[in-house]
Protein backbone atom coordinates (compact mmCIF):
# COMPACT_ATOMS: atom_id res chain seq x y z
CA UNK A 1 118.11 28.55 61.26
CA UNK A 2 121.63 27.02 62.55
CA UNK A 3 122.79 23.62 60.82
CA UNK A 4 122.41 21.99 64.06
CA UNK A 5 118.36 23.04 64.31
CA UNK A 6 117.80 22.28 60.42
CA UNK A 7 119.32 19.16 60.92
CA UNK A 8 117.23 17.73 64.26
CA UNK A 9 113.93 19.20 62.60
CA UNK A 10 115.13 16.85 59.30
CA UNK A 11 115.31 14.22 61.73
CA UNK A 12 112.27 14.79 63.83
CA UNK A 13 110.52 15.39 60.34
CA UNK A 14 111.51 11.59 59.15
CA UNK A 15 110.65 10.18 62.48
CA UNK A 16 107.26 11.14 62.67
CA UNK A 17 106.66 10.40 58.73
CA UNK A 18 108.17 7.16 58.46
CA UNK A 19 104.60 4.85 59.69
CA UNK A 20 102.99 6.11 56.96
CA UNK A 21 106.25 5.55 54.71
CA UNK A 22 106.80 2.04 56.66
CA UNK A 23 103.46 0.91 55.46
CA UNK A 24 103.52 1.35 51.61
CA UNK A 25 106.83 -0.29 51.50
CA UNK A 26 108.54 -3.57 52.81
CA UNK A 27 109.41 -3.91 56.84
CA UNK A 28 112.22 -1.91 56.94
CA UNK A 29 114.51 -0.84 60.06
CA UNK A 30 116.20 2.11 60.07
CA UNK A 31 119.46 2.81 61.60
CA UNK A 32 119.36 5.85 63.82
CA UNK A 33 121.90 7.63 65.90
CA UNK A 34 121.22 9.23 69.52
CA UNK A 35 120.61 12.41 68.09
CA UNK A 36 117.44 11.42 66.12
CA UNK A 37 116.18 9.28 69.13
CA UNK A 38 116.61 12.81 71.29
CA UNK A 39 115.06 14.73 69.09
CA UNK A 40 111.89 12.28 69.13
CA UNK A 41 111.90 13.03 72.67
CA UNK A 42 111.96 16.54 72.14
CA UNK A 43 108.50 15.88 69.79
CA UNK A 44 106.07 18.29 71.18
CA UNK A 45 102.97 16.93 68.80
CA UNK A 46 100.19 15.81 71.60
CA UNK A 47 101.14 11.63 70.51
CA UNK A 48 101.97 8.75 72.70
CA UNK A 49 105.09 7.31 72.01
CA UNK A 50 105.79 4.16 73.39
CA UNK A 51 109.36 3.20 72.95
CA UNK A 52 110.63 -0.33 73.05
CA UNK A 53 114.24 -1.04 73.56
CA UNK A 54 114.73 -4.99 72.51
CA UNK A 55 116.74 -6.82 70.85
CA UNK A 56 117.56 -10.05 68.32
CA UNK A 57 118.96 -12.53 71.39
CA UNK A 58 117.01 -10.99 74.56
CA UNK A 59 114.33 -13.47 75.34
CA UNK A 60 111.97 -11.24 77.63
CA UNK A 61 112.20 -9.28 74.46
CA UNK A 62 110.93 -11.48 72.02
CA UNK A 63 108.36 -12.67 74.54
CA UNK A 64 106.54 -9.53 75.16
CA UNK A 65 107.21 -7.85 70.97
CA UNK A 66 103.58 -9.30 70.10
CA UNK A 67 102.39 -7.47 72.80
CA UNK A 68 103.73 -4.09 71.15
CA UNK A 69 102.17 -4.97 67.97
CA UNK A 70 99.04 -5.52 69.15
CA UNK A 71 99.38 -2.39 70.80
CA UNK A 72 100.08 -0.47 67.51
CA UNK A 73 97.54 -2.57 65.60
CA UNK A 74 94.74 -1.93 68.06
CA UNK A 75 95.60 2.35 68.32
CA UNK A 76 96.73 2.75 64.50
CA UNK A 77 94.46 5.05 64.38
CA UNK A 78 94.80 7.14 67.54
CA UNK A 79 97.58 9.46 68.55
CA UNK A 80 99.73 6.81 69.62
CA UNK A 81 102.78 5.38 68.21
CA UNK A 82 104.64 2.38 68.83
CA UNK A 83 109.14 2.06 68.43
CA UNK A 84 110.61 -0.58 68.45
CA UNK A 85 114.53 -0.04 69.24
CA UNK A 86 117.13 -2.73 68.46
CA UNK A 87 119.84 -2.64 70.56
CA UNK A 88 121.60 -5.33 68.17
CA UNK A 89 124.65 -4.29 66.67
CA UNK A 90 124.50 -2.31 63.60
CA UNK A 91 126.39 -4.94 61.70
CA UNK A 92 124.06 -7.22 62.86
CA UNK A 93 121.56 -5.67 60.13
CA UNK A 94 121.23 -6.84 57.44
CA UNK A 95 122.12 -10.38 58.44
CA UNK A 96 120.26 -11.25 62.21
CA UNK A 97 117.78 -8.18 62.62
CA UNK A 98 115.82 -7.87 58.85
CA UNK A 99 115.31 -11.66 59.24
CA UNK A 100 113.85 -11.28 62.43
CA UNK A 101 111.07 -8.78 61.31
CA UNK A 102 110.55 -10.35 58.52
CA UNK A 103 109.71 -14.37 60.06
CA UNK A 104 108.08 -12.48 62.46
CA UNK A 105 106.58 -10.00 60.34
CA UNK A 106 106.61 -6.97 62.54
CA UNK A 107 104.65 -3.76 61.62
CA UNK A 108 105.59 -1.66 64.34
CA UNK A 109 107.89 1.33 63.59
CA UNK A 110 111.66 -0.60 63.95
CA UNK A 111 114.44 1.32 64.19
CA UNK A 112 118.32 0.09 65.19
CA UNK A 113 120.14 2.03 67.94
CA UNK A 114 123.57 3.14 66.04
CA UNK A 115 125.62 3.87 68.97
CA UNK A 116 127.46 0.49 70.20
CA UNK A 117 128.94 2.74 73.77
CA UNK A 118 126.25 2.49 75.84
CA UNK A 119 128.02 4.25 79.11
CA UNK A 120 128.12 7.70 76.41
CA UNK A 121 124.63 7.17 75.98
CA UNK A 122 121.99 5.23 78.00
CA UNK A 123 122.23 8.14 80.70
CA UNK A 124 121.49 10.65 77.92
CA UNK A 125 117.83 8.15 77.48
CA UNK A 126 117.11 7.71 80.89
CA UNK A 127 119.51 8.54 84.14
CA UNK A 128 117.57 5.44 86.14
CA UNK A 129 118.35 3.14 83.18
CA UNK A 130 120.68 0.59 83.89
CA UNK A 131 121.16 -0.75 80.55
CA UNK A 132 119.05 -3.85 80.91
CA UNK A 133 116.32 -4.78 78.60
CA UNK A 134 113.87 -4.73 77.46
CA UNK A 135 112.73 -1.51 78.44
CA UNK A 136 110.32 0.94 77.75
CA UNK A 137 109.73 4.35 77.62
CA UNK A 138 106.31 6.14 77.13
CA UNK A 139 105.96 9.79 76.96
CA UNK A 140 103.38 12.56 75.45
CA UNK A 141 105.76 16.17 75.64
CA UNK A 142 102.50 18.57 75.64
CA UNK A 143 100.98 16.54 78.22
CA UNK A 144 104.18 16.12 80.36
CA UNK A 145 103.46 12.60 81.04
CA UNK A 146 106.39 10.55 81.03
CA UNK A 147 106.95 7.15 81.87
CA UNK A 148 110.16 4.71 82.20
CA UNK A 149 109.79 0.88 82.66
CA UNK A 150 113.09 -1.20 83.50
CA UNK A 151 111.74 -5.22 82.46
CA UNK A 152 109.44 -6.58 80.57
CA UNK A 153 105.43 -6.21 80.25
CA UNK A 154 102.66 -8.14 80.37
CA UNK A 155 100.56 -7.13 78.07
CA UNK A 156 98.14 -6.20 80.47
CA UNK A 157 100.57 -3.92 81.94
CA UNK A 158 101.77 -2.32 78.88
CA UNK A 159 97.74 -1.93 77.58
CA UNK A 160 97.68 -0.78 80.99
CA UNK A 161 100.29 2.19 81.05
CA UNK A 162 98.59 3.24 77.19
CA UNK A 163 95.51 4.13 78.66
CA UNK A 164 96.51 5.23 81.24
CA UNK A 165 98.48 8.08 78.68
CA UNK A 166 97.00 8.56 75.62
CA UNK A 167 95.36 11.81 74.80
C-alpha cells in the first residue's frame, strides 16, 4: 500500500468514525484539507452524504442550518450523514466558528475547510460551482446518486432531496 493511499484511507476512516466520536464529546470542528473532502467524496459506502457548505457570516446559510440539523436528527439511525463544512477562515476557528457552533448547539458533523484559495479547489469539488454559498452536495457513490445545489434550500426541498436519494 502506498503512503498516499494509506493517508487517504486514514482520512476516510477518521471521517467515517467522526460522528460516533463527536457524540461522546463536546461538539468540535475538525479542520480539513481538500484531500479529506476528496476521500469522503470517493467513499464507496451505501450511505447518503449530505454535505452543506456554509459560513458564520452568510445569512442564507445560517437560515438553513436548522433544516440540516433537523435532518441529522431525523436520519441519525439510517445511512444518511449530514456534514456541515464551514468556509470561514481557519484563523477564525476559535474566535468565531466554535462560539457560533456552541451558541446554536449544532450536532451535525462539523468540518472547517482549510483551503484559502477557492480558485484552486472549487472545480475539484463541483465544476459547476461558482463558489457561492450556501451550497449542498448530496451523494451516494455505491448507488451512483449525485446532486449539487448552489443556493439556499427550504426545509421541504432538503427533505425531498434526502427522500429521493436515501438508501
